[in-house]
Protein backbone atom coordinates (compact mmCIF):
# COMPACT_ATOMS: atom_id res chain seq x y z
CA MET A 1 117.32 103.25 117.96
CA THR A 2 120.62 101.21 117.99
CA ARG A 3 123.44 101.22 114.68
CA THR A 4 125.63 97.46 114.66
CA SER A 5 127.79 96.74 111.80
CA GLY A 6 126.70 93.01 112.70
CA LEU A 7 125.07 91.44 109.13
CA PHE A 8 122.06 89.11 109.57
CA GLY A 9 122.26 86.08 106.99
CA ALA A 10 123.39 84.95 103.81
CA ALA A 11 120.45 86.03 101.78
CA ALA A 12 120.96 89.62 103.65
CA LEU A 13 124.48 89.97 103.05
CA VAL A 14 124.15 89.04 98.94
CA ALA A 15 121.36 92.08 99.43
CA LEU A 16 123.85 94.25 101.17
CA LEU A 17 126.96 93.66 98.35
CA ALA A 18 124.96 94.29 95.80
CA SER A 19 123.42 97.74 96.84
CA GLY A 20 126.94 98.82 97.85
CA ALA A 21 129.96 99.04 100.15
CA ASN A 22 127.99 101.81 102.33
CA ALA A 23 125.61 99.59 104.44
CA ALA A 24 124.96 100.60 107.29
CA ILE A 25 123.00 98.66 109.58
CA VAL A 26 120.40 99.92 111.86
CA GLU A 27 117.88 97.99 114.76
CA PHE A 28 115.13 99.74 115.93
CA GLY A 29 112.06 98.50 118.40
CA SER A 30 112.10 96.79 121.47
CA ASN A 31 111.36 93.58 120.00
CA ALA A 32 108.19 93.55 122.85
CA PHE A 33 105.12 91.15 122.02
CA ASP A 34 102.29 93.16 120.49
CA ASP A 35 99.61 90.54 119.82
CA GLY A 36 101.61 89.24 117.12
CA TRP A 37 102.41 92.49 115.09
CA ALA A 38 105.88 93.22 114.23
CA SER A 39 107.87 95.34 117.06
CA PHE A 40 111.03 95.54 116.15
CA ILE A 41 112.69 95.75 112.75
CA ARG A 42 116.43 95.78 111.53
CA TYR A 43 117.05 97.27 107.94
CA ASP A 44 120.01 99.01 105.81
CA ASP A 45 120.02 102.74 106.43
CA ALA A 46 121.93 103.27 103.04
CA ALA A 47 119.23 101.84 100.95
CA LEU A 48 117.78 104.51 98.72
CA ARG A 49 113.91 105.21 99.98
CA GLY A 50 112.24 108.15 99.30
CA THR A 51 110.75 110.59 102.70
CA ASP A 52 107.92 112.03 101.60
CA ASP A 53 104.65 111.09 103.78
CA ASP A 54 107.56 109.70 106.64
CA ARG A 55 108.54 107.14 104.77
CA ASP A 56 112.30 106.09 105.59
CA ASN A 57 110.88 106.08 109.15
CA PRO A 58 111.71 102.34 110.08
CA ALA A 59 108.53 102.91 113.38
CA ASN A 60 105.77 102.59 110.31
CA ALA A 61 106.41 99.10 109.93
CA LEU A 62 105.73 98.21 113.50
CA GLY A 63 102.24 97.76 115.38
CA SER A 64 98.98 97.31 113.83
CA ASP A 65 98.70 100.50 112.05
CA ALA A 66 98.51 100.42 108.43
CA SER A 67 97.90 103.81 107.52
CA ASP A 68 101.42 104.73 107.58
CA PHE A 69 104.09 102.77 105.85
CA PHE A 70 108.25 102.34 105.72
CA GLU A 71 110.07 101.69 102.43
CA ILE A 72 112.48 98.92 102.05
CA GLY A 73 114.39 100.38 99.41
CA PHE A 74 114.97 98.64 95.93
CA GLY A 75 117.06 95.44 96.43
CA SER A 76 117.04 95.63 99.98
CA THR A 77 116.23 93.41 103.18
CA VAL A 78 114.76 93.63 106.27
CA ASP A 79 114.34 91.68 109.27
CA LEU A 80 111.39 92.05 111.82
CA LYS A 81 110.77 90.14 114.53
CA PHE A 82 107.64 89.73 117.10
CA GLY A 83 108.49 89.67 120.71
CA SER A 84 107.81 85.42 120.58
CA ALA A 85 108.32 82.42 118.63
CA PHE A 86 105.67 82.04 116.21
CA THR A 87 104.23 79.15 113.62
CA SER A 88 102.31 79.86 110.60
CA PRO A 89 100.15 81.57 109.00
CA GLY A 90 101.17 85.29 108.84
CA THR A 91 99.96 88.58 107.35
CA LEU A 92 101.66 91.07 105.20
CA ILE A 93 100.08 94.34 104.37
CA GLU A 94 101.55 96.89 102.10
CA VAL A 95 100.33 100.31 101.13
CA THR A 96 100.70 102.05 97.78
CA ASN A 97 98.13 104.66 97.89
CA GLY A 98 95.71 103.58 95.02
CA ASN A 99 98.39 103.71 92.54
CA VAL A 100 99.05 100.24 92.03
CA ALA A 101 99.79 100.07 88.42
CA GLY A 102 102.03 103.21 88.80
CA TRP A 103 104.34 101.57 91.61
CA PRO A 104 104.49 97.71 90.81
CA GLU A 105 106.51 95.76 93.80
CA SER A 106 107.34 92.39 94.88
CA VAL A 107 108.49 91.13 97.62
CA ASP A 108 110.18 87.53 98.89
CA ILE A 109 109.14 86.48 101.95
CA LEU A 110 111.34 83.78 104.79
CA VAL A 111 111.18 83.07 108.20
CA GLY A 112 113.71 81.58 110.09
CA ASN A 113 115.80 82.19 113.70
CA ASP A 114 117.67 85.31 114.07
CA GLY A 115 121.40 84.27 114.78
CA ASP A 116 121.08 80.94 112.54
CA PRO A 117 121.57 82.36 109.11
CA GLY A 118 120.68 78.37 107.53
CA SER A 119 117.72 78.06 109.11
CA PHE A 120 115.97 81.24 106.73
CA PHE A 121 113.83 79.12 103.99
CA LYS A 122 111.68 81.51 101.49
CA VAL A 123 107.73 80.63 101.70
CA GLY A 124 106.05 82.74 99.37
CA SER A 125 106.23 85.86 97.60
CA LEU A 126 103.76 88.84 97.16
CA ASP A 127 103.04 91.28 94.68
CA ASN A 128 101.18 94.86 96.28
CA THR A 129 98.04 94.09 94.39
CA ALA A 130 97.60 91.15 96.60
CA ALA A 131 98.92 92.55 100.07
CA GLN A 132 96.82 95.78 99.67
CA ASN A 133 94.60 96.06 103.50
CA PRO A 134 93.67 93.83 104.94
CA GLY A 135 96.31 92.48 103.26
CA GLY A 136 98.43 88.86 101.66
CA GLN A 137 98.77 85.92 103.59
CA PHE A 138 101.67 83.62 103.95
CA THR A 139 101.89 79.73 104.84
CA PHE A 140 104.57 78.12 106.23
CA ALA A 141 105.34 74.87 107.75
CA GLY A 142 107.65 73.66 110.44
CA GLY A 143 108.80 76.20 113.26
CA PRO A 144 107.95 78.01 115.29
CA PHE A 145 110.91 80.53 113.97
CA ASP A 146 111.27 84.08 115.18
CA THR A 147 112.16 86.26 112.53
CA VAL A 148 110.34 87.11 109.05
CA ARG A 149 112.80 88.60 106.51
CA LEU A 150 111.51 90.02 103.81
CA ILE A 151 113.83 91.25 100.46
CA ASP A 152 112.50 93.45 97.87
CA THR A 153 112.15 92.31 94.37
CA SER A 154 110.35 95.46 92.41
CA SER A 155 111.99 96.63 89.47
CA SER A 156 114.12 99.14 89.30
CA PRO A 157 113.74 102.24 88.35
CA ALA A 158 109.96 102.52 89.14
CA PRO A 159 107.44 103.54 85.65
CA ASN A 160 107.77 106.90 86.51
CA GLY A 161 112.01 106.53 86.84
CA SER A 162 112.42 106.74 90.16
CA THR A 163 114.83 104.69 91.54
CA GLU A 164 114.20 105.64 95.50
CA GLY A 165 110.83 102.93 96.64
CA GLY A 166 110.53 99.15 96.64
CA TRP A 167 107.98 97.21 99.10
CA ASP A 168 106.18 99.28 101.39
CA ILE A 169 105.69 97.12 104.96
CA ALA A 170 102.57 98.83 106.46
CA ALA A 171 102.48 95.96 109.21
CA VAL A 172 102.91 92.66 109.61
CA ARG A 173 101.17 90.19 112.02
CA VAL A 174 102.33 86.50 112.64
CA SER A 175 101.05 83.79 114.33
CA ALA A 176 102.79 84.12 117.88
CA VAL A 177 103.52 81.46 120.34
CA PRO A 178 103.57 84.05 123.92
CA VAL A 179 106.19 83.17 126.41
CA PRO A 180 103.57 82.28 129.09
CA ALA A 181 102.08 80.41 126.85
CA ALA A 182 104.80 78.54 125.63
CA MET A 183 106.26 78.02 129.08
CA PRO A 184 104.34 74.53 130.08
CA LEU A 185 105.06 72.79 126.70
CA LEU A 186 109.23 74.00 127.75
CA LEU A 187 108.53 72.76 131.55
CA ALA A 188 106.99 69.47 130.40
CA GLY A 189 109.65 68.72 127.94
CA VAL A 190 112.17 69.72 130.94
CA GLY A 191 110.57 67.42 133.38
CA ALA A 192 110.23 64.15 130.95
CA PHE A 193 113.90 64.68 130.18
CA GLY A 194 114.79 64.82 133.95
CA ILE A 195 112.90 61.67 134.71
CA ALA A 196 114.57 59.62 131.64
CA ALA A 197 117.63 60.58 133.06
CA ARG A 198 116.78 59.66 136.66
CA ARG A 199 115.56 56.49 134.97
CA LYS A 200 118.69 55.48 133.20
CA ARG A 201 120.94 56.20 136.15
CA ARG A 202 119.06 53.73 138.26
CA LYS A 203 119.30 50.94 135.44
CA ALA A 204 123.43 51.79 135.34
């Protein structure tokens, strides 16, 4: 696990400032390709989340196992990566253990490219009624992108008065474009560029 003080985009900055000055950004995972499932997460370790059922374990948000979950924290932001660029659609699975009415939760979904804050745009919102296993789908135009950003929009406190909580990420999957599949397109583009450059030099 790597700890970093870097912020990760304008939307995340707003969320972190709202959560207080004790924000501690943590990066967890390998960003290796896992058949389109999230393999890397960046989150605010200072966000208020519970510890019951291992819900503060970021590994629970990664991979295809939707039986456990990672709690974002009210009003907090996470970034997820997949070891590959991706296009539409994506699927977000949430877990509320059968008590959606007691724990109403919601999230905004953005896509973009890490390192380019201006590339992120909102592609949808889900509540935990719509996102129970097998999950809620989100679609978007453009791409490919490399990061899904989730911003918790749940009302705090929860109906039972708890101020710890927020969206529960069980699993996230995208329509990945694996590097081997994308490579011929890249090479074809580079080759076409080289041919055009040679033709231009001959004309000169």
